[in-house]
Structure formats: structure tokens, C-alpha cells
């Protein structure tokens, strides 16, 4: 789910059995066809899960929407967890970052 102000959109959904462990991943990729090859332009945020067949995309969003014009530009990003039914247990959370996306 992505929410910008009062606009809310479901990017993707994944049904899993109770008690199933899953690994979610949020990736930042250069926007397709972007003229900003120096990495300073907009990116694309891709949300998915890691399964037995590797990364499975659940949805994506233009990274420009995760900033604010009121603050003068990019102010950082937030991530949260949401469970529509039942309970959700987050056992761990990690972050890996680098100025060079090829290093990830």
C-alpha cells in the first residue's frame, strides 16, 4: 500500500498461510528510460518478496512521489508494516545502502 496525502493505492497483495515466514524487500532502481544516468534523477521503488524462485515483484512506484515540494525536495523515506487480517510478527528488519547502486 502506498499513501500520498489522501491518495491511497494498493500496489500488490500476497496471500500467505498463517505461520508462514516470508522475506519482503524494497529495491530502488533507476527509472526506466530516465535521462538521469548519473543517479541524481528519479528512481523507481520496487516492492516484493524473496521466494524459492528469487525476487517476486508485488508492485512499484515512481520515487518522485516519496518526497515533498513543501520541504524543498527529498526528505527521506519511511517504511512500515501492515496486516489486513490477523496478526503480524516482524522478527527482523535490516537496511543496506550505498551511494553506488551497483554495490548492492
PDB file of N, CA and C in Angstrom:
ATOM      1  N   UNK A   1       0.854  -1.175   0.000  1.00  0.00           N
ATOM      2  CA  UNK A   1       0.000   0.000   0.000  1.00  0.00           C
ATOM      3  C   UNK A   1       0.893   1.229   0.000  1.00  0.00           C
ATOM      4  N   UNK A   2       0.585   2.158  -0.867  1.00  0.00           N
ATOM      5  CA  UNK A   2       1.284   3.436  -0.855  1.00  0.00           C
ATOM      6  C   UNK A   2       0.228   4.515  -0.610  1.00  0.00           C
ATOM      7  N   UNK A   3       0.567   5.465   0.246  1.00  0.00           N
ATOM      8  CA  UNK A   3      -0.357   6.548   0.536  1.00  0.00           C
ATOM      9  C   UNK A   3       0.387   7.862   0.461  1.00  0.00           C
ATOM     10  N   UNK A   4      -0.147   8.765  -0.359  1.00  0.00           N
ATOM     11  CA  UNK A   4       0.413  10.104  -0.520  1.00  0.00           C
ATOM     12  C   UNK A   4      -0.708  11.075  -0.212  1.00  0.00           C
ATOM     13  N   UNK A   5      -0.633  11.712   0.936  1.00  0.00           N
ATOM     14  CA  UNK A   5      -1.743  12.558   1.368  1.00  0.00           C
ATOM     15  C   UNK A   5      -2.976  11.700   1.545  1.00  0.00           C
ATOM     16  N   UNK A   6      -4.053  12.083   0.879  1.00  0.00           N
ATOM     17  CA  UNK A   6      -5.294  11.315   0.978  1.00  0.00           C
ATOM     18  C   UNK A   6      -5.424  10.258  -0.116  1.00  0.00           C
ATOM     19  N   UNK A   7      -4.440  10.192  -1.007  1.00  0.00           N
ATOM     20  CA  UNK A   7      -4.474   9.212  -2.086  1.00  0.00           C
ATOM     21  C   UNK A   7      -3.812   7.928  -1.601  1.00  0.00           C
ATOM     22  N   UNK A   8      -4.545   6.829  -1.713  1.00  0.00           N
ATOM     23  CA  UNK A   8      -4.050   5.535  -1.239  1.00  0.00           C
ATOM     24  C   UNK A   8      -4.241   4.509  -2.351  1.00  0.00           C
ATOM     25  N   UNK A   9      -3.214   3.715  -2.609  1.00  0.00           N
ATOM     26  CA  UNK A   9      -3.280   2.722  -3.673  1.00  0.00           C
ATOM     27  C   UNK A   9      -2.609   1.427  -3.219  1.00  0.00           C
ATOM     28  N   UNK A  10      -3.224   0.316  -3.573  1.00  0.00           N
ATOM     29  CA  UNK A  10      -2.638  -0.996  -3.296  1.00  0.00           C
ATOM     30  C   UNK A  10      -1.752  -1.354  -4.486  1.00  0.00           C
ATOM     31  N   UNK A  11      -0.457  -1.475  -4.257  1.00  0.00           N
ATOM     32  CA  UNK A  11       0.479  -1.819  -5.324  1.00  0.00           C
ATOM     33  C   UNK A  11       0.471  -3.306  -5.620  1.00  0.00           C
ATOM     34  N   UNK A  12       0.243  -4.112  -4.603  1.00  0.00           N
ATOM     35  CA  UNK A  12       0.231  -5.554  -4.779  1.00  0.00           C
ATOM     36  C   UNK A  12      -0.179  -6.231  -3.494  1.00  0.00           C
ATOM     37  N   UNK A  13      -0.600  -7.468  -3.602  1.00  0.00           N
ATOM     38  CA  UNK A  13      -1.007  -8.238  -2.432  1.00  0.00           C
ATOM     39  C   UNK A  13      -0.414  -9.627  -2.503  1.00  0.00           C
ATOM     40  N   UNK A  14      -0.250 -10.221  -1.342  1.00  0.00           N
ATOM     41  CA  UNK A  14       0.307 -11.563  -1.249  1.00  0.00           C
ATOM     42  C   UNK A  14      -0.438 -12.312  -0.147  1.00  0.00           C
ATOM     43  N   UNK A  15      -1.080 -13.403  -0.495  1.00  0.00           N
ATOM     44  CA  UNK A  15      -1.761 -14.235   0.496  1.00  0.00           C
ATOM     45  C   UNK A  15      -0.791 -15.318   0.960  1.00  0.00           C
ATOM     46  N   UNK A  16      -0.652 -15.448   2.260  1.00  0.00           N
ATOM     47  CA  UNK A  16       0.212 -16.487   2.816  1.00  0.00           C
ATOM     48  C   UNK A  16      -0.547 -17.204   3.929  1.00  0.00           C
ATOM     49  N   UNK A  17      -0.190 -18.449   4.150  1.00  0.00           N
ATOM     50  CA  UNK A  17      -0.800 -19.224   5.223  1.00  0.00           C
ATOM     51  C   UNK A  17      -0.295 -18.722   6.567  1.00  0.00           C
ATOM     52  N   UNK A  18      -1.125 -18.824   7.578  1.00  0.00           N
ATOM     53  CA  UNK A  18      -0.737 -18.436   8.932  1.00  0.00           C
ATOM     54  C   UNK A  18       0.517 -19.189   9.346  1.00  0.00           C
ATOM     55  N   UNK A  19       1.431 -18.484   9.968  1.00  0.00           N
ATOM     56  CA  UNK A  19       2.665 -19.096  10.450  1.00  0.00           C
ATOM     57  C   UNK A  19       3.763 -19.203   9.409  1.00  0.00           C
ATOM     58  N   UNK A  20       3.498 -18.751   8.185  1.00  0.00           N
ATOM     59  CA  UNK A  20       4.494 -18.820   7.114  1.00  0.00           C
ATOM     60  C   UNK A  20       5.484 -17.671   7.241  1.00  0.00           C
ATOM     61  N   UNK A  21       6.766 -17.975   7.201  1.00  0.00           N
ATOM     62  CA  UNK A  21       7.792 -16.935   7.201  1.00  0.00           C
ATOM     63  C   UNK A  21       7.992 -16.433   5.779  1.00  0.00           C
ATOM     64  N   UNK A  22       8.036 -15.110   5.612  1.00  0.00           N
ATOM     65  CA  UNK A  22       8.315 -14.525   4.310  1.00  0.00           C
ATOM     66  C   UNK A  22       9.371 -13.435   4.478  1.00  0.00           C
ATOM     67  N   UNK A  23      10.071 -13.145   3.409  1.00  0.00           N
ATOM     68  CA  UNK A  23      11.065 -12.072   3.397  1.00  0.00           C
ATOM     69  C   UNK A  23      10.625 -11.040   2.372  1.00  0.00           C
ATOM     70  N   UNK A  24      10.346  -9.828   2.829  1.00  0.00           N
ATOM     71  CA  UNK A  24       9.962  -8.740   1.947  1.00  0.00           C
ATOM     72  C   UNK A  24      11.191  -7.912   1.615  1.00  0.00           C
ATOM     73  N   UNK A  25      11.175  -7.303   0.442  1.00  0.00           N
ATOM     74  CA  UNK A  25      12.318  -6.481   0.044  1.00  0.00           C
ATOM     75  C   UNK A  25      11.816  -5.265  -0.725  1.00  0.00           C
ATOM     76  N   UNK A  26      12.419  -4.121  -0.457  1.00  0.00           N
ATOM     77  CA  UNK A  26      12.134  -2.891  -1.182  1.00  0.00           C
ATOM     78  C   UNK A  26      13.420  -2.487  -1.890  1.00  0.00           C
ATOM     79  N   UNK A  27      13.362  -2.383  -3.210  1.00  0.00           N
ATOM     80  CA  UNK A  27      14.538  -2.051  -4.007  1.00  0.00           C
ATOM     81  C   UNK A  27      14.370  -0.673  -4.629  1.00  0.00           C
ATOM     82  N   UNK A  28      15.469   0.013  -4.806  1.00  0.00           N
ATOM     83  CA  UNK A  28      15.484   1.267  -5.535  1.00  0.00           C
ATOM     84  C   UNK A  28      16.245   1.029  -6.828  1.00  0.00           C
ATOM     85  N   UNK A  29      15.603   1.332  -7.956  1.00  0.00           N
ATOM     86  CA  UNK A  29      16.217   1.119  -9.254  1.00  0.00           C
ATOM     87  C   UNK A  29      16.119   2.405 -10.070  1.00  0.00           C
ATOM     88  N   UNK A  30      17.039   2.627 -10.998  1.00  0.00           N
ATOM     89  CA  UNK A  30      16.892   3.790 -11.885  1.00  0.00           C
ATOM     90  C   UNK A  30      15.562   3.682 -12.637  1.00  0.00           C
ATOM     91  N   UNK A  31      14.891   4.792 -12.827  1.00  0.00           N
ATOM     92  CA  UNK A  31      13.623   4.784 -13.546  1.00  0.00           C
ATOM     93  C   UNK A  31      13.850   4.350 -14.990  1.00  0.00           C
ATOM     94  N   UNK A  32      12.988   3.490 -15.524  1.00  0.00           N
ATOM     95  CA  UNK A  32      13.141   3.064 -16.917  1.00  0.00           C
ATOM     96  C   UNK A  32      13.101   4.271 -17.845  1.00  0.00           C
ATOM     97  N   UNK A  33      14.055   4.361 -18.748  1.00  0.00           N
ATOM     98  CA  UNK A  33      14.100   5.459 -19.705  1.00  0.00           C
ATOM     99  C   UNK A  33      14.519   6.785 -19.118  1.00  0.00           C
ATOM    100  N   UNK A  34      15.019   6.785 -17.891  1.00  0.00           N
ATOM    101  CA  UNK A  34      15.411   8.028 -17.242  1.00  0.00           C
ATOM    102  C   UNK A  34      16.598   8.654 -17.961  1.00  0.00           C
ATOM    103  N   UNK A  35      16.554   9.955 -18.116  1.00  0.00           N
ATOM    104  CA  UNK A  35      17.680  10.677 -18.726  1.00  0.00           C
ATOM    105  C   UNK A  35      18.750  10.965 -17.683  1.00  0.00           C
ATOM    106  N   UNK A  36      18.461  10.614 -16.437  1.00  0.00           N
ATOM    107  CA  UNK A  36      19.391  10.892 -15.344  1.00  0.00           C
ATOM    108  C   UNK A  36      20.267   9.675 -15.093  1.00  0.00           C
ATOM    109  N   UNK A  37      21.238   9.440 -15.934  1.00  0.00           N
ATOM    110  CA  UNK A  37      22.100   8.264 -15.783  1.00  0.00           C
ATOM    111  C   UNK A  37      23.116   8.434 -14.665  1.00  0.00           C
ATOM    112  N   UNK A  38      23.233   9.656 -14.114  1.00  0.00           N
ATOM    113  CA  UNK A  38      24.200   9.907 -13.041  1.00  0.00           C
ATOM    114  C   UNK A  38      23.651   9.536 -11.672  1.00  0.00           C
ATOM    115  N   UNK A  39      22.442   8.993 -11.609  1.00  0.00           N
ATOM    116  CA  UNK A  39      21.866   8.578 -10.332  1.00  0.00           C
ATOM    117  C   UNK A  39      21.233   9.702  -9.546  1.00  0.00           C
ATOM    118  N   UNK A  40      21.232  10.916 -10.089  1.00  0.00           N
ATOM    119  CA  UNK A  40      20.653  12.044  -9.371  1.00  0.00           C
ATOM    120  C   UNK A  40      19.187  12.265  -9.714  1.00  0.00           C
ATOM    121  N   UNK A  41      18.681  11.548 -10.678  1.00  0.00           N
ATOM    122  CA  UNK A  41      17.300  11.717 -11.100  1.00  0.00           C
ATOM    123  C   UNK A  41      16.354  10.837 -10.317  1.00  0.00           C
ATOM    124  N   UNK A  42      15.108  10.794 -10.760  1.00  0.00           N
ATOM    125  CA  UNK A  42      14.116   9.977 -10.047  1.00  0.00           C
ATOM    126  C   UNK A  42      14.460   8.497 -10.142  1.00  0.00           C
ATOM    127  N   UNK A  43      14.081   7.780  -9.115  1.00  0.00           N
ATOM    128  CA  UNK A  43      14.277   6.341  -9.124  1.00  0.00           C
ATOM    129  C   UNK A  43      12.920   5.659  -9.114  1.00  0.00           C
ATOM    130  N   UNK A  44      12.933   4.372  -9.108  1.00  0.00           N
ATOM    131  CA  UNK A  44      11.720   3.567  -9.050  1.00  0.00           C
ATOM    132  C   UNK A  44      11.840   2.675  -7.828  1.00  0.00           C
ATOM    133  N   UNK A  45      10.833   2.682  -6.976  1.00  0.00           N
ATOM    134  CA  UNK A  45      10.812   1.821  -5.799  1.00  0.00           C
ATOM    135  C   UNK A  45      10.036   0.560  -6.157  1.00  0.00           C
ATOM    136  N   UNK A  46      10.663  -0.585  -5.956  1.00  0.00           N
ATOM    137  CA  UNK A  46      10.067  -1.869  -6.311  1.00  0.00           C
ATOM    138  C   UNK A  46       9.914  -2.692  -5.042  1.00  0.00           C
ATOM    139  N   UNK A  47       8.681  -3.064  -4.721  1.00  0.00           N
ATOM    140  CA  UNK A  47       8.394  -3.865  -3.534  1.00  0.00           C
ATOM    141  C   UNK A  47       8.128  -5.298  -3.950  1.00  0.00           C
ATOM    142  N   UNK A  48       8.654  -6.238  -3.180  1.00  0.00           N
ATOM    143  CA  UNK A  48       8.427  -7.641  -3.494  1.00  0.00           C
ATOM    144  C   UNK A  48       8.824  -8.540  -2.354  1.00  0.00           C
ATOM    145  N   UNK A  49       8.826  -9.820  -2.637  1.00  0.00           N
ATOM    146  CA  UNK A  49       9.219 -10.804  -1.633  1.00  0.00           C
ATOM    147  C   UNK A  49      10.272 -11.724  -2.231  1.00  0.00           C
ATOM    148  N   UNK A  50      11.044 -12.298  -1.348  1.00  0.00           N
ATOM    149  CA  UNK A  50      12.041 -13.270  -1.756  1.00  0.00           C
ATOM    150  C   UNK A  50      11.434 -14.653  -1.550  1.00  0.00           C
ATOM    151  N   UNK A  51      11.291 -15.391  -2.634  1.00  0.00           N
ATOM    152  CA  UNK A  51      10.734 -16.734  -2.576  1.00  0.00           C
ATOM    153  C   UNK A  51      11.752 -17.753  -3.039  1.00  0.00           C
ATOM    154  N   UNK A  52      11.305 -18.974  -3.201  1.00  0.00           N
ATOM    155  CA  UNK A  52      12.220 -20.033  -3.641  1.00  0.00           C
ATOM    156  C   UNK A  52      12.737 -19.780  -5.054  1.00  0.00           C
ATOM    157  N   UNK A  53      11.997 -19.012  -5.838  1.00  0.00           N
ATOM    158  CA  UNK A  53      12.414 -18.695  -7.203  1.00  0.00           C
ATOM    159  C   UNK A  53      13.094 -17.335  -7.295  1.00  0.00           C
ATOM    160  N   UNK A  54      13.429 -16.730  -6.168  1.00  0.00           N
ATOM    161  CA  UNK A  54      14.078 -15.426  -6.159  1.00  0.00           C
ATOM    162  C   UNK A  54      13.098 -14.310  -5.869  1.00  0.00           C
ATOM    163  N   UNK A  55      13.409 -13.105  -6.349  1.00  0.00           N
ATOM    164  CA  UNK A  55      12.605 -11.913  -6.088  1.00  0.00           C
ATOM    165  C   UNK A  55      11.332 -11.930  -6.924  1.00  0.00           C
ATOM    166  N   UNK A  56      10.177 -11.721  -6.265  1.00  0.00           N
ATOM    167  CA  UNK A  56       8.885 -11.648  -6.934  1.00  0.00           C
ATOM    168  C   UNK A  56       8.325 -10.248  -6.695  1.00  0.00           C
ATOM    169  N   UNK A  57       8.197  -9.461  -7.759  1.00  0.00           N
ATOM    170  CA  UNK A  57       7.697  -8.089  -7.624  1.00  0.00           C
ATOM    171  C   UNK A  57       6.215  -8.089  -7.298  1.00  0.00           C
ATOM    172  N   UNK A  58       5.848  -7.282  -6.293  1.00  0.00           N
ATOM    173  CA  UNK A  58       4.446  -7.102  -5.934  1.00  0.00           C
ATOM    174  C   UNK A  58       3.899  -5.786  -6.472  1.00  0.00           C
ATOM    175  N   UNK A  59       4.766  -4.812  -6.688  1.00  0.00           N
ATOM    176  CA  UNK A  59       4.341  -3.524  -7.212  1.00  0.00           C
ATOM    177  C   UNK A  59       5.497  -2.549  -7.225  1.00  0.00           C
ATOM    178  N   UNK A  60       5.321  -1.431  -7.930  1.00  0.00           N
ATOM    179  CA  UNK A  60       6.365  -0.420  -7.978  1.00  0.00           C
ATOM    180  C   UNK A  60       5.754   0.983  -8.005  1.00  0.00           C
ATOM    181  N   UNK A  61       6.593   1.964  -7.712  1.00  0.00           N
ATOM    182  CA  UNK A  61       6.166   3.350  -7.584  1.00  0.00           C
ATOM    183  C   UNK A  61       7.293   4.265  -8.033  1.00  0.00           C
ATOM    184  N   UNK A  62       6.959   5.317  -8.745  1.00  0.00           N
ATOM    185  CA  UNK A  62       7.928   6.331  -9.128  1.00  0.00           C
ATOM    186  C   UNK A  62       8.443   6.998  -7.849  1.00  0.00           C
ATOM    187  N   UNK A  63       9.747   6.988  -7.656  1.00  0.00           N
ATOM    188  CA  UNK A  63      10.354   7.521  -6.439  1.00  0.00           C
ATOM    189  C   UNK A  63      10.110   8.995  -6.198  1.00  0.00           C
ATOM    190  N   UNK A  64       9.736   9.749  -7.242  1.00  0.00           N
ATOM    191  CA  UNK A  64       9.468  11.178  -7.054  1.00  0.00           C
ATOM    192  C   UNK A  64       8.307  11.421  -6.114  1.00  0.00           C
ATOM    193  N   UNK A  65       7.408  10.459  -5.976  1.00  0.00           N
ATOM    194  CA  UNK A  65       6.241  10.649  -5.124  1.00  0.00           C
ATOM    195  C   UNK A  65       6.567  10.469  -3.645  1.00  0.00           C
ATOM    196  N   UNK A  66       7.776  10.035  -3.348  1.00  0.00           N
ATOM    197  CA  UNK A  66       8.179   9.850  -1.953  1.00  0.00           C
ATOM    198  C   UNK A  66       9.153  10.974  -1.583  1.00  0.00           C
ATOM    199  N   UNK A  67       8.744  12.176  -1.841  1.00  0.00           N
ATOM    200  CA  UNK A  67       9.479  13.375  -1.425  1.00  0.00           C
ATOM    201  C   UNK A  67       8.442  14.478  -1.272  1.00  0.00           C
ATOM    202  N   UNK A  68       8.854  15.657  -0.984  1.00  0.00           N
ATOM    203  CA  UNK A  68       7.891  16.732  -0.799  1.00  0.00           C
ATOM    204  C   UNK A  68       8.399  18.039  -1.377  1.00  0.00           C
ATOM    205  N   UNK A  69       7.558  18.699  -2.119  1.00  0.00           N
ATOM    206  CA  UNK A  69       7.904  20.012  -2.657  1.00  0.00           C
ATOM    207  C   UNK A  69       7.880  21.056  -1.555  1.00  0.00           C
ATOM    208  N   UNK A  70       7.062  20.852  -0.525  1.00  0.00           N
ATOM    209  CA  UNK A  70       6.948  21.825   0.550  1.00  0.00           C
ATOM    210  C   UNK A  70       8.244  21.976   1.339  1.00  0.00           C
ATOM    211  N   UNK A  71       9.007  20.907   1.446  1.00  0.00           N
ATOM    212  CA  UNK A  71      10.265  20.954   2.195  1.00  0.00           C
ATOM    213  C   UNK A  71      11.447  21.265   1.277  1.00  0.00           C
ATOM    214  N   UNK A  72      11.179  21.473   0.010  1.00  0.00           N
ATOM    215  CA  UNK A  72      12.253  21.830  -0.904  1.00  0.00           C
ATOM    216  C   UNK A  72      12.927  20.650  -1.567  1.00  0.00           C
ATOM    217  N   UNK A  73      12.336  19.467  -1.512  1.00  0.00           N
ATOM    218  CA  UNK A  73      12.929  18.308  -2.171  1.00  0.00           C
ATOM    219  C   UNK A  73      12.877  17.065  -1.323  1.00  0.00           C
ATOM    220  N   UNK A  74      13.805  16.188  -1.577  1.00  0.00           N
ATOM    221  CA  UNK A  74      13.839  14.886  -0.909  1.00  0.00           C
ATOM    222  C   UNK A  74      14.109  15.040   0.586  1.00  0.00           C
ATOM    223  N   UNK A  75      13.293  14.393   1.407  1.00  0.00           N
ATOM    224  CA  UNK A  75      13.439  14.496   2.861  1.00  0.00           C
ATOM    225  C   UNK A  75      13.664  13.153   3.536  1.00  0.00           C
ATOM    226  N   UNK A  76      13.801  12.091   2.768  1.00  0.00           N
ATOM    227  CA  UNK A  76      13.979  10.765   3.353  1.00  0.00           C
ATOM    228  C   UNK A  76      12.788   9.895   3.044  1.00  0.00           C
ATOM    229  N   UNK A  77      12.873   8.633   3.434  1.00  0.00           N
ATOM    230  CA  UNK A  77      11.790   7.691   3.164  1.00  0.00           C
ATOM    231  C   UNK A  77      11.456   6.902   4.418  1.00  0.00           C
ATOM    232  N   UNK A  78      10.203   6.460   4.492  1.00  0.00           N
ATOM    233  CA  UNK A  78       9.749   5.673   5.632  1.00  0.00           C
ATOM    234  C   UNK A  78       9.223   4.344   5.138  1.00  0.00           C
ATOM    235  N   UNK A  79       9.342   3.345   5.975  1.00  0.00           N
ATOM    236  CA  UNK A  79       8.766   2.033   5.667  1.00  0.00           C
ATOM    237  C   UNK A  79       8.000   1.563   6.893  1.00  0.00           C
ATOM    238  N   UNK A  80       6.904   0.869   6.666  1.00  0.00           N
ATOM    239  CA  UNK A  80       6.100   0.348   7.760  1.00  0.00           C
ATOM    240  C   UNK A  80       5.504  -0.992   7.366  1.00  0.00           C
ATOM    241  N   UNK A  81       4.909  -1.661   8.306  1.00  0.00           N
ATOM    242  CA  UNK A  81       4.311  -2.969   8.073  1.00  0.00           C
ATOM    243  C   UNK A  81       2.824  -2.886   8.351  1.00  0.00           C
ATOM    244  N   UNK A  82       2.038  -3.617   7.569  1.00  0.00           N
ATOM    245  CA  UNK A  82       0.593  -3.562   7.660  1.00  0.00           C
ATOM    246  C   UNK A  82       0.031  -4.966   7.474  1.00  0.00           C
ATOM    247  N   UNK A  83      -0.931  -5.332   8.291  1.00  0.00           N
ATOM    248  CA  UNK A  83      -1.588  -6.631   8.183  1.00  0.00           C
ATOM    249  C   UNK A  83      -3.091  -6.393   8.168  1.00  0.00           C
ATOM    250  N   UNK A  84      -3.741  -6.772   7.077  1.00  0.00           N
ATOM    251  CA  UNK A  84      -5.174  -6.513   6.929  1.00  0.00           C
ATOM    252  C   UNK A  84      -6.015  -7.381   7.862  1.00  0.00           C
ATOM    253  N   UNK A  85      -5.624  -8.639   8.046  1.00  0.00           N
ATOM    254  CA  UNK A  85      -6.380  -9.576   8.891  1.00  0.00           C
ATOM    255  C   UNK A  85      -5.409 -10.323   9.788  1.00  0.00           C
ATOM    256  N   UNK A  86      -5.832 -10.641  10.993  1.00  0.00           N
ATOM    257  CA  UNK A  86      -4.999 -11.429  11.895  1.00  0.00           C
ATOM    258  C   UNK A  86      -3.889 -10.606  12.514  1.00  0.00           C
ATOM    259  N   UNK A  87      -2.758 -11.241  12.735  1.00  0.00           N
ATOM    260  CA  UNK A  87      -1.632 -10.564  13.376  1.00  0.00           C
ATOM    261  C   UNK A  87      -0.387 -10.685  12.501  1.00  0.00           C
ATOM    262  N   UNK A  88       0.545  -9.827  12.766  1.00  0.00           N
ATOM    263  CA  UNK A  88       1.807  -9.807  12.029  1.00  0.00           C
ATOM    264  C   UNK A  88       2.939  -9.724  13.031  1.00  0.00           C
ATOM    265  N   UNK A  89       3.902 -10.604  12.898  1.00  0.00           N
ATOM    266  CA  UNK A  89       5.083 -10.578  13.752  1.00  0.00           C
ATOM    267  C   UNK A  89       6.293 -10.271  12.882  1.00  0.00           C
ATOM    268  N   UNK A  90       6.957  -9.159  13.160  1.00  0.00           N
ATOM    269  CA  UNK A  90       8.172  -8.794  12.433  1.00  0.00           C
ATOM    270  C   UNK A  90       9.339  -9.252  13.290  1.00  0.00           C
ATOM    271  N   UNK A  91      10.073 -10.231  12.798  1.00  0.00           N
ATOM    272  CA  UNK A  91      11.186 -10.794  13.573  1.00  0.00           C
ATOM    273  C   UNK A  91      12.481 -10.027  13.377  1.00  0.00           C
ATOM    274  N   UNK A  92      12.639  -9.417  12.219  1.00  0.00           N
ATOM    275  CA  UNK A  92      13.846  -8.625  11.998  1.00  0.00           C
ATOM    276  C   UNK A  92      13.596  -7.621  10.885  1.00  0.00           C
ATOM    277  N   UNK A  93      14.405  -6.588  10.885  1.00  0.00           N
ATOM    278  CA  UNK A  93      14.360  -5.563   9.850  1.00  0.00           C
ATOM    279  C   UNK A  93      15.790  -5.136   9.592  1.00  0.00           C
ATOM    280  N   UNK A  94      16.159  -5.045   8.339  1.00  0.00           N
ATOM    281  CA  UNK A  94      17.516  -4.636   8.006  1.00  0.00           C
ATOM    282  C   UNK A  94      17.511  -3.621   6.877  1.00  0.00           C
ATOM    283  N   UNK A  95      18.590  -2.898   6.770  1.00  0.00           N
ATOM    284  CA  UNK A  95      18.750  -1.902   5.718  1.00  0.00           C
ATOM    285  C   UNK A  95      20.162  -1.980   5.177  1.00  0.00           C
ATOM    286  N   UNK A  96      20.277  -1.996   3.873  1.00  0.00           N
ATOM    287  CA  UNK A  96      21.582  -1.975   3.213  1.00  0.00           C
ATOM    288  C   UNK A  96      21.530  -0.815   2.223  1.00  0.00           C
ATOM    289  N   UNK A  97      22.514   0.047   2.278  1.00  0.00           N
ATOM    290  CA  UNK A  97      22.534   1.182   1.369  1.00  0.00           C
ATOM    291  C   UNK A  97      23.938   1.479   0.884  1.00  0.00           C
ATOM    292  N   UNK A  98      23.997   2.183  -0.235  1.00  0.00           N
ATOM    293  CA  UNK A  98      25.292   2.583  -0.787  1.00  0.00           C
ATOM    294  C   UNK A  98      25.035   3.720  -1.783  1.00  0.00           C
ATOM    295  N   UNK A  99      25.983   4.589  -1.945  1.00  0.00           N
ATOM    296  CA  UNK A  99      25.852   5.642  -2.949  1.00  0.00           C
ATOM    297  C   UNK A  99      25.870   5.066  -4.355  1.00  0.00           C
ATOM    298  N   UNK A 100      26.516   3.924  -4.527  1.00  0.00           N
ATOM    299  CA  UNK A 100      26.588   3.253  -5.821  1.00  0.00           C
ATOM    300  C   UNK A 100      25.631   2.063  -5.801  1.00  0.00           C
ATOM    301  N   UNK A 101      24.534   2.146  -6.558  1.00  0.00           N
ATOM    302  CA  UNK A 101      23.536   1.070  -6.532  1.00  0.00           C
ATOM    303  C   UNK A 101      24.106  -0.261  -7.032  1.00  0.00           C
ATOM    304  N   UNK A 102      25.170  -0.223  -7.840  1.00  0.00           N
ATOM    305  CA  UNK A 102      25.789  -1.467  -8.301  1.00  0.00           C
ATOM    306  C   UNK A 102      26.479  -2.204  -7.155  1.00  0.00           C
ATOM    307  N   UNK A 103      26.787  -1.498  -6.066  1.00  0.00           N
ATOM    308  CA  UNK A 103      27.447  -2.117  -4.919  1.00  0.00           C
ATOM    309  C   UNK A 103      26.476  -2.971  -4.113  1.00  0.00           C
ATOM    310  N   UNK A 104      25.183  -2.764  -4.308  1.00  0.00           N
ATOM    311  CA  UNK A 104      24.179  -3.516  -3.579  1.00  0.00           C
ATOM    312  C   UNK A 104      23.963  -4.805  -4.289  1.00  0.00           C
TER     313      UNK A 104
END
